[in-house]
């Protein structure tokens, strides 16, 4: 594995995903700026944490799996894969008991070692098709 700023940022991102997967909500401040944007919407780290916690409540087996990861000195781009079973409404869909698979394409801009901007695109039509909605 190469070293340097891009590799270090990729390592920070992997640690961030471990934090999410382990539900260590109190540790998010190690990875996320106090103020950030999510799809151009300004929010605080508390807003961001609440959104991630809400997803985990809706989908207890939600896990972030990296399919593709690209990093430079202040940006990370990733294709994340999910295979999970929603138990509560998620992205406007009602749970059916079915296990679903979908991808998220997401770009993060960092300020130092903390996420400051997130641009996320989730394959919502794939979720709807699998849930028959």
Foldseek 3Di string as FASTA:
>chain_A
DDDDLFVVLVVLVVVLLVCLQVVVLVCLVVAAAQWAEEQNRIDGSVVVSVVSVVVCVQWVNWHWAFPDWGTDNFKIWTKTKTWTFGPQDDPNDGGDRDTAIWIKTKMFGHDHRYTHYIYIDIPVVRVCVRRVD
